[in-house]
């Protein structure tokens, strides 16, 4: 099973980082997930009623990611953190995308709590996974674009295994190779904050909420936490 690891350079640059790693083994993504469907519908109804709005770039949770993106040379208004892009889409269209139950689950949790989220099919991960600065030699094939190859900029923060890049711009977009489908049986989900002192409790609530959505449809779930103080976790 892969080890997830925050490198010392990233830990030094972002010392209040906290990442929740929610793992699921024996996932059944090819059956109905009524609680996930209800979670999506509830968010959409709250938005329609005007009782809730997704966090935008004026919110401290999103603003922190904009600041981080700028620090490694990414324009966050052109290449947005995933939670920012998802919230903007929801605010504009009034609905969230339906991809498959596992992806829909982390999207619902992400936008509800204003925290970036992603996931990796562990059957397509090779070796261990590092959260590190790119050196500029890496290439990336984005989710949904299997024939596209992008050059990763040096200094950009990425998730990477021994084969290549799993996410660009920290949490802007996941890779096509490790995408989660309805057939994925072993998955690692991530939820992230740059301000554990302020939002660590919120992150833990979100991780538990995601675990609860996954649990009826998987043989086993677990939650691990990565931080500069505890930079490694085995899935």
C-alpha atoms as a PDB file:
ATOM      1  CA  UNK A   1       0.000   0.000   0.000  1.00  0.00           C
ATOM      2  CA  UNK A   2       1.409   3.441  -0.859  1.00  0.00           C
ATOM      3  CA  UNK A   3       2.784   5.831   1.709  1.00  0.00           C
ATOM      4  CA  UNK A   4       1.631   9.448   1.383  1.00  0.00           C
ATOM      5  CA  UNK A   5       4.315  11.937   2.350  1.00  0.00           C
ATOM      6  CA  UNK A   6       4.583  15.719   2.699  1.00  0.00           C
ATOM      7  CA  UNK A   7       8.155  16.658   1.808  1.00  0.00           C
ATOM      8  CA  UNK A   8      10.169  18.859   4.195  1.00  0.00           C
ATOM      9  CA  UNK A   9      10.265  21.739   1.688  1.00  0.00           C
ATOM     10  CA  UNK A  10       6.472  21.875   1.465  1.00  0.00           C
ATOM     11  CA  UNK A  11       6.151  21.487   5.239  1.00  0.00           C
ATOM     12  CA  UNK A  12       8.530  24.409   5.752  1.00  0.00           C
ATOM     13  CA  UNK A  13       6.721  26.607   3.228  1.00  0.00           C
ATOM     14  CA  UNK A  14       3.240  25.797   4.582  1.00  0.00           C
ATOM     15  CA  UNK A  15       3.748  24.909   8.256  1.00  0.00           C
ATOM     16  CA  UNK A  16       0.053  24.891   9.209  1.00  0.00           C
ATOM     17  CA  UNK A  17      -0.982  22.412   6.503  1.00  0.00           C
ATOM     18  CA  UNK A  18      -3.294  19.563   7.466  1.00  0.00           C
ATOM     19  CA  UNK A  19      -4.406  16.877   5.010  1.00  0.00           C
ATOM     20  CA  UNK A  20      -7.059  14.276   5.783  1.00  0.00           C
ATOM     21  CA  UNK A  21      -6.508  11.030   3.915  1.00  0.00           C
ATOM     22  CA  UNK A  22      -9.710   8.971   3.811  1.00  0.00           C
ATOM     23  CA  UNK A  23      -9.148   5.487   2.412  1.00  0.00           C
ATOM     24  CA  UNK A  24     -11.771   3.036   1.183  1.00  0.00           C
ATOM     25  CA  UNK A  25     -11.173  -0.617   0.326  1.00  0.00           C
ATOM     26  CA  UNK A  26     -13.738  -2.814  -1.388  1.00  0.00           C
ATOM     27  CA  UNK A  27     -15.654   0.148  -2.767  1.00  0.00           C
ATOM     28  CA  UNK A  28     -18.908  -0.502  -4.657  1.00  0.00           C
ATOM     29  CA  UNK A  29     -19.280   2.451  -7.003  1.00  0.00           C
ATOM     30  CA  UNK A  30     -21.619   0.705  -9.407  1.00  0.00           C
ATOM     31  CA  UNK A  31     -24.668   0.749  -7.120  1.00  0.00           C
ATOM     32  CA  UNK A  32     -26.989   3.580  -6.000  1.00  0.00           C
ATOM     33  CA  UNK A  33     -25.724   5.752  -3.132  1.00  0.00           C
ATOM     34  CA  UNK A  34     -28.937   7.373  -1.853  1.00  0.00           C
ATOM     35  CA  UNK A  35     -27.265   9.363   0.939  1.00  0.00           C
ATOM     36  CA  UNK A  36     -24.837  10.934  -1.511  1.00  0.00           C
ATOM     37  CA  UNK A  37     -27.665  11.770  -3.905  1.00  0.00           C
ATOM     38  CA  UNK A  38     -29.541  13.389  -1.017  1.00  0.00           C
ATOM     39  CA  UNK A  39     -26.453  15.383   0.038  1.00  0.00           C
ATOM     40  CA  UNK A  40     -26.130  16.879  -3.448  1.00  0.00           C
ATOM     41  CA  UNK A  41     -29.824  17.671  -3.657  1.00  0.00           C
ATOM     42  CA  UNK A  42     -29.768  19.268  -0.198  1.00  0.00           C
ATOM     43  CA  UNK A  43     -26.965  21.648  -1.170  1.00  0.00           C
ATOM     44  CA  UNK A  44     -28.730  22.601  -4.380  1.00  0.00           C
ATOM     45  CA  UNK A  45     -31.982  23.231  -2.522  1.00  0.00           C
ATOM     46  CA  UNK A  46     -30.268  25.382   0.116  1.00  0.00           C
ATOM     47  CA  UNK A  47     -28.685  27.428  -2.650  1.00  0.00           C
ATOM     48  CA  UNK A  48     -32.052  27.833  -4.395  1.00  0.00           C
ATOM     49  CA  UNK A  49     -33.683  28.867  -1.109  1.00  0.00           C
ATOM     50  CA  UNK A  50     -30.944  31.408  -0.393  1.00  0.00           C
ATOM     51  CA  UNK A  51     -30.121  29.810   2.953  1.00  0.00           C
ATOM     52  CA  UNK A  52     -26.579  28.832   1.983  1.00  0.00           C
ATOM     53  CA  UNK A  53     -23.959  29.853  -0.574  1.00  0.00           C
ATOM     54  CA  UNK A  54     -20.668  28.155  -1.452  1.00  0.00           C
ATOM     55  CA  UNK A  55     -17.498  29.833  -0.236  1.00  0.00           C
ATOM     56  CA  UNK A  56     -15.919  32.183  -2.767  1.00  0.00           C
ATOM     57  CA  UNK A  57     -12.555  33.939  -2.962  1.00  0.00           C
ATOM     58  CA  UNK A  58     -13.604  36.467  -0.286  1.00  0.00           C
ATOM     59  CA  UNK A  59     -13.851  33.595   2.207  1.00  0.00           C
ATOM     60  CA  UNK A  60     -10.671  33.003   4.284  1.00  0.00           C
ATOM     61  CA  UNK A  61     -10.685  29.299   3.379  1.00  0.00           C
ATOM     62  CA  UNK A  62     -10.515  30.069  -0.348  1.00  0.00           C
ATOM     63  CA  UNK A  63      -8.372  33.183  -0.025  1.00  0.00           C
ATOM     64  CA  UNK A  64      -5.668  31.120   1.679  1.00  0.00           C
ATOM     65  CA  UNK A  65      -5.406  28.892  -1.378  1.00  0.00           C
ATOM     66  CA  UNK A  66      -5.268  31.899  -3.710  1.00  0.00           C
ATOM     67  CA  UNK A  67      -2.340  33.210  -1.667  1.00  0.00           C
ATOM     68  CA  UNK A  68      -0.612  29.823  -1.795  1.00  0.00           C
ATOM     69  CA  UNK A  69      -1.092  29.538  -5.553  1.00  0.00           C
ATOM     70  CA  UNK A  70       0.441  32.960  -6.093  1.00  0.00           C
ATOM     71  CA  UNK A  71       3.410  31.956  -3.929  1.00  0.00           C
ATOM     72  CA  UNK A  72       4.349  29.203  -6.391  1.00  0.00           C
ATOM     73  CA  UNK A  73       3.624  31.232  -9.507  1.00  0.00           C
ATOM     74  CA  UNK A  74       0.054  30.195 -10.385  1.00  0.00           C
ATOM     75  CA  UNK A  75      -2.641  32.784 -11.082  1.00  0.00           C
ATOM     76  CA  UNK A  76      -5.590  31.506  -8.981  1.00  0.00           C
ATOM     77  CA  UNK A  77      -8.159  33.465 -10.946  1.00  0.00           C
ATOM     78  CA  UNK A  78      -7.119  31.724 -14.137  1.00  0.00           C
ATOM     79  CA  UNK A  79      -6.245  28.324 -12.654  1.00  0.00           C
ATOM     80  CA  UNK A  80      -8.488  27.975  -9.640  1.00  0.00           C
ATOM     81  CA  UNK A  81      -8.275  25.663  -6.625  1.00  0.00           C
ATOM     82  CA  UNK A  82     -10.733  22.814  -7.129  1.00  0.00           C
ATOM     83  CA  UNK A  83     -13.111  23.901  -4.365  1.00  0.00           C
ATOM     84  CA  UNK A  84     -13.205  27.440  -5.734  1.00  0.00           C
ATOM     85  CA  UNK A  85     -14.020  26.229  -9.259  1.00  0.00           C
ATOM     86  CA  UNK A  86     -16.655  23.810  -7.951  1.00  0.00           C
ATOM     87  CA  UNK A  87     -18.334  26.456  -5.819  1.00  0.00           C
ATOM     88  CA  UNK A  88     -18.396  28.933  -8.705  1.00  0.00           C
ATOM     89  CA  UNK A  89     -19.964  26.318 -10.953  1.00  0.00           C
ATOM     90  CA  UNK A  90     -22.624  25.547  -8.368  1.00  0.00           C
ATOM     91  CA  UNK A  91     -23.396  29.235  -7.792  1.00  0.00           C
ATOM     92  CA  UNK A  92     -23.732  29.842 -11.540  1.00  0.00           C
ATOM     93  CA  UNK A  93     -25.649  26.735 -12.621  1.00  0.00           C
ATOM     94  CA  UNK A  94     -27.493  25.869  -9.434  1.00  0.00           C
ATOM     95  CA  UNK A  95     -26.425  22.224  -9.669  1.00  0.00           C
ATOM     96  CA  UNK A  96     -23.386  20.079  -9.002  1.00  0.00           C
ATOM     97  CA  UNK A  97     -22.093  17.600 -11.581  1.00  0.00           C
ATOM     98  CA  UNK A  98     -23.000  13.933 -11.232  1.00  0.00           C
ATOM     99  CA  UNK A  99     -19.903  11.889 -12.101  1.00  0.00           C
ATOM    100  CA  UNK A 100     -20.143   8.682 -10.086  1.00  0.00           C
ATOM    101  CA  UNK A 101     -21.084   8.085  -6.447  1.00  0.00           C
ATOM    102  CA  UNK A 102     -17.549   8.219  -5.013  1.00  0.00           C
ATOM    103  CA  UNK A 103     -16.636  11.439  -6.827  1.00  0.00           C
ATOM    104  CA  UNK A 104     -20.046  12.945  -6.084  1.00  0.00           C
ATOM    105  CA  UNK A 105     -19.466  12.214  -2.380  1.00  0.00           C
ATOM    106  CA  UNK A 106     -16.220  14.130  -2.104  1.00  0.00           C
ATOM    107  CA  UNK A 107     -17.579  16.954  -4.248  1.00  0.00           C
ATOM    108  CA  UNK A 108     -20.525  17.357  -1.880  1.00  0.00           C
ATOM    109  CA  UNK A 109     -18.278  17.385   1.188  1.00  0.00           C
ATOM    110  CA  UNK A 110     -15.768  19.719  -0.459  1.00  0.00           C
ATOM    111  CA  UNK A 111     -18.234  22.415  -1.467  1.00  0.00           C
ATOM    112  CA  UNK A 112     -20.261  22.159   1.759  1.00  0.00           C
ATOM    113  CA  UNK A 113     -17.191  22.844   3.907  1.00  0.00           C
ATOM    114  CA  UNK A 114     -15.147  25.036   1.558  1.00  0.00           C
ATOM    115  CA  UNK A 115     -12.202  22.627   1.527  1.00  0.00           C
ATOM    116  CA  UNK A 116     -10.354  21.279  -1.537  1.00  0.00           C
ATOM    117  CA  UNK A 117     -10.834  17.566  -2.153  1.00  0.00           C
ATOM    118  CA  UNK A 118      -9.574  14.971  -4.597  1.00  0.00           C
ATOM    119  CA  UNK A 119      -9.151  11.235  -4.948  1.00  0.00           C
ATOM    120  CA  UNK A 120      -6.847   8.621  -6.422  1.00  0.00           C
ATOM    121  CA  UNK A 121      -7.616   5.090  -7.590  1.00  0.00           C
ATOM    122  CA  UNK A 122      -4.888   3.241  -5.712  1.00  0.00           C
ATOM    123  CA  UNK A 123      -4.825   0.398  -8.235  1.00  0.00           C
ATOM    124  CA  UNK A 124      -3.261   2.883 -10.680  1.00  0.00           C
ATOM    125  CA  UNK A 125      -0.833   4.489  -8.209  1.00  0.00           C
ATOM    126  CA  UNK A 126       2.777   3.297  -8.460  1.00  0.00           C
ATOM    127  CA  UNK A 127       5.017   3.430  -5.424  1.00  0.00           C
ATOM    128  CA  UNK A 128       4.584   6.109  -2.788  1.00  0.00           C
ATOM    129  CA  UNK A 129       2.922   9.511  -3.192  1.00  0.00           C
ATOM    130  CA  UNK A 130       4.684  12.758  -2.334  1.00  0.00           C
ATOM    131  CA  UNK A 131       3.311  16.268  -1.915  1.00  0.00           C
ATOM    132  CA  UNK A 132       6.300  18.177  -3.260  1.00  0.00           C
ATOM    133  CA  UNK A 133       7.604  21.033  -5.341  1.00  0.00           C
ATOM    134  CA  UNK A 134       7.929  20.164  -9.026  1.00  0.00           C
ATOM    135  CA  UNK A 135      11.383  20.390 -10.570  1.00  0.00           C
ATOM    136  CA  UNK A 136      10.010  21.240 -14.015  1.00  0.00           C
ATOM    137  CA  UNK A 137      10.869  17.951 -15.744  1.00  0.00           C
ATOM    138  CA  UNK A 138       7.476  16.383 -15.023  1.00  0.00           C
ATOM    139  CA  UNK A 139       4.596  15.910 -17.430  1.00  0.00           C
ATOM    140  CA  UNK A 140       0.893  15.627 -16.652  1.00  0.00           C
ATOM    141  CA  UNK A 141      -2.164  14.209 -18.388  1.00  0.00           C
ATOM    142  CA  UNK A 142      -5.275  15.926 -17.017  1.00  0.00           C
ATOM    143  CA  UNK A 143      -8.469  14.205 -16.020  1.00  0.00           C
ATOM    144  CA  UNK A 144     -10.740  13.654 -18.988  1.00  0.00           C
ATOM    145  CA  UNK A 145      -8.006  14.456 -21.530  1.00  0.00           C
ATOM    146  CA  UNK A 146      -6.087  11.203 -22.062  1.00  0.00           C
ATOM    147  CA  UNK A 147      -4.360  12.498 -25.203  1.00  0.00           C
ATOM    148  CA  UNK A 148      -3.126  15.733 -23.611  1.00  0.00           C
ATOM    149  CA  UNK A 149       0.333  16.126 -22.086  1.00  0.00           C
ATOM    150  CA  UNK A 150       1.141  19.274 -20.107  1.00  0.00           C
ATOM    151  CA  UNK A 151       4.553  20.426 -18.907  1.00  0.00           C
ATOM    152  CA  UNK A 152       4.590  21.112 -15.180  1.00  0.00           C
ATOM    153  CA  UNK A 153       6.186  24.378 -14.094  1.00  0.00           C
ATOM    154  CA  UNK A 154       9.163  24.247 -11.721  1.00  0.00           C
ATOM    155  CA  UNK A 155       8.205  25.262  -8.195  1.00  0.00           C
ATOM    156  CA  UNK A 156       4.575  24.247  -8.584  1.00  0.00           C
ATOM    157  CA  UNK A 157       3.287  22.022  -5.781  1.00  0.00           C
ATOM    158  CA  UNK A 158       2.145  18.614  -6.990  1.00  0.00           C
ATOM    159  CA  UNK A 159       1.108  15.204  -5.769  1.00  0.00           C
ATOM    160  CA  UNK A 160       3.328  12.683  -7.549  1.00  0.00           C
ATOM    161  CA  UNK A 161       4.026   8.958  -7.470  1.00  0.00           C
ATOM    162  CA  UNK A 162       6.968   7.121  -9.024  1.00  0.00           C
ATOM    163  CA  UNK A 163       5.367   7.230 -12.485  1.00  0.00           C
ATOM    164  CA  UNK A 164       4.299  10.857 -12.692  1.00  0.00           C
ATOM    165  CA  UNK A 165       2.141  13.726 -11.544  1.00  0.00           C
ATOM    166  CA  UNK A 166      -1.213  13.003  -9.904  1.00  0.00           C
ATOM    167  CA  UNK A 167      -2.344  16.615  -9.364  1.00  0.00           C
ATOM    168  CA  UNK A 168      -1.209  19.992 -10.682  1.00  0.00           C
ATOM    169  CA  UNK A 169      -1.132  23.303  -8.794  1.00  0.00           C
ATOM    170  CA  UNK A 170      -1.544  21.338  -5.528  1.00  0.00           C
ATOM    171  CA  UNK A 171      -5.294  20.750  -5.941  1.00  0.00           C
ATOM    172  CA  UNK A 172      -6.402  22.369  -9.194  1.00  0.00           C
ATOM    173  CA  UNK A 173      -6.883  19.188 -11.196  1.00  0.00           C
ATOM    174  CA  UNK A 174      -6.349  15.444 -10.875  1.00  0.00           C
ATOM    175  CA  UNK A 175      -4.636  13.178 -13.392  1.00  0.00           C
ATOM    176  CA  UNK A 176      -6.446  10.948 -15.847  1.00  0.00           C
ATOM    177  CA  UNK A 177      -4.399   7.862 -14.916  1.00  0.00           C
ATOM    178  CA  UNK A 178      -5.572   7.711 -11.299  1.00  0.00           C
ATOM    179  CA  UNK A 179      -9.126   8.971 -11.882  1.00  0.00           C
ATOM    180  CA  UNK A 180     -11.871   7.408  -9.771  1.00  0.00           C
ATOM    181  CA  UNK A 181     -14.560   5.575 -11.734  1.00  0.00           C
ATOM    182  CA  UNK A 182     -17.556   3.463 -10.748  1.00  0.00           C
ATOM    183  CA  UNK A 183     -15.216   0.448 -10.996  1.00  0.00           C
ATOM    184  CA  UNK A 184     -12.558   1.764  -8.585  1.00  0.00           C
ATOM    185  CA  UNK A 185     -12.289  -0.568  -5.581  1.00  0.00           C
ATOM    186  CA  UNK A 186      -9.378   0.951  -3.602  1.00  0.00           C
ATOM    187  CA  UNK A 187      -9.437   4.734  -3.330  1.00  0.00           C
ATOM    188  CA  UNK A 188      -7.629   7.388  -1.312  1.00  0.00           C
ATOM    189  CA  UNK A 189      -9.566  10.631  -0.866  1.00  0.00           C
ATOM    190  CA  UNK A 190      -7.880  13.826   0.315  1.00  0.00           C
ATOM    191  CA  UNK A 191      -9.259  16.923   2.029  1.00  0.00           C
ATOM    192  CA  UNK A 192      -6.924  19.839   2.709  1.00  0.00           C
ATOM    193  CA  UNK A 193      -6.460  23.041   4.681  1.00  0.00           C
ATOM    194  CA  UNK A 194      -3.527  25.409   4.930  1.00  0.00           C
ATOM    195  CA  UNK A 195      -4.698  26.674   8.346  1.00  0.00           C
ATOM    196  CA  UNK A 196      -4.988  23.762  10.745  1.00  0.00           C
ATOM    197  CA  UNK A 197      -5.061  26.134  13.697  1.00  0.00           C
ATOM    198  CA  UNK A 198      -8.186  27.790  12.340  1.00  0.00           C
ATOM    199  CA  UNK A 199      -9.855  25.069  10.251  1.00  0.00           C
ATOM    200  CA  UNK A 200      -8.490  21.789  11.601  1.00  0.00           C
ATOM    201  CA  UNK A 201     -11.747  21.023  13.374  1.00  0.00           C
ATOM    202  CA  UNK A 202     -13.714  21.725  10.209  1.00  0.00           C
ATOM    203  CA  UNK A 203     -11.423  19.409   8.255  1.00  0.00           C
ATOM    204  CA  UNK A 204     -12.000  16.586  10.712  1.00  0.00           C
ATOM    205  CA  UNK A 205     -15.773  17.072  10.540  1.00  0.00           C
ATOM    206  CA  UNK A 206     -15.562  16.964   6.739  1.00  0.00           C
ATOM    207  CA  UNK A 207     -13.429  13.807   6.798  1.00  0.00           C
ATOM    208  CA  UNK A 208     -15.931  12.084   9.095  1.00  0.00           C
ATOM    209  CA  UNK A 209     -18.801  13.178   6.844  1.00  0.00           C
ATOM    210  CA  UNK A 210     -17.056  11.732   3.799  1.00  0.00           C
ATOM    211  CA  UNK A 211     -16.285   8.515   5.659  1.00  0.00           C
ATOM    212  CA  UNK A 212     -19.965   8.225   6.605  1.00  0.00           C
ATOM    213  CA  UNK A 213     -21.030   8.582   2.963  1.00  0.00           C
ATOM    214  CA  UNK A 214     -18.517   5.939   1.883  1.00  0.00           C
ATOM    215  CA  UNK A 215     -19.044   3.408   4.668  1.00  0.00           C
ATOM    216  CA  UNK A 216     -22.286   1.754   3.450  1.00  0.00           C
ATOM    217  CA  UNK A 217     -20.650   1.038   0.097  1.00  0.00           C
ATOM    218  CA  UNK A 218     -17.208  -0.226   1.066  1.00  0.00           C
ATOM    219  CA  UNK A 219     -15.695  -3.079   3.032  1.00  0.00           C
ATOM    220  CA  UNK A 220     -13.370  -0.876   5.085  1.00  0.00           C
ATOM    221  CA  UNK A 221     -12.624   2.803   5.602  1.00  0.00           C
ATOM    222  CA  UNK A 222      -9.966   4.654   7.575  1.00  0.00           C
ATOM    223  CA  UNK A 223      -8.900   8.245   8.154  1.00  0.00           C
ATOM    224  CA  UNK A 224      -5.275   9.358   8.458  1.00  0.00           C
ATOM    225  CA  UNK A 225      -3.896  12.865   8.892  1.00  0.00           C
ATOM    226  CA  UNK A 226      -0.768  14.367   7.342  1.00  0.00           C
ATOM    227  CA  UNK A 227       0.911  17.475   8.723  1.00  0.00           C
ATOM    228  CA  UNK A 228       4.432  18.872   9.042  1.00  0.00           C
ATOM    229  CA  UNK A 229       4.582  17.202  12.462  1.00  0.00           C
ATOM    230  CA  UNK A 230       3.339  13.866  11.075  1.00  0.00           C
ATOM    231  CA  UNK A 231       4.340  13.963   7.415  1.00  0.00           C
ATOM    232  CA  UNK A 232       3.803  10.298   6.498  1.00  0.00           C
ATOM    233  CA  UNK A 233       0.780   7.997   6.409  1.00  0.00           C
ATOM    234  CA  UNK A 234       0.427   4.473   5.037  1.00  0.00           C
ATOM    235  CA  UNK A 235      -2.832   3.704   3.281  1.00  0.00           C
END
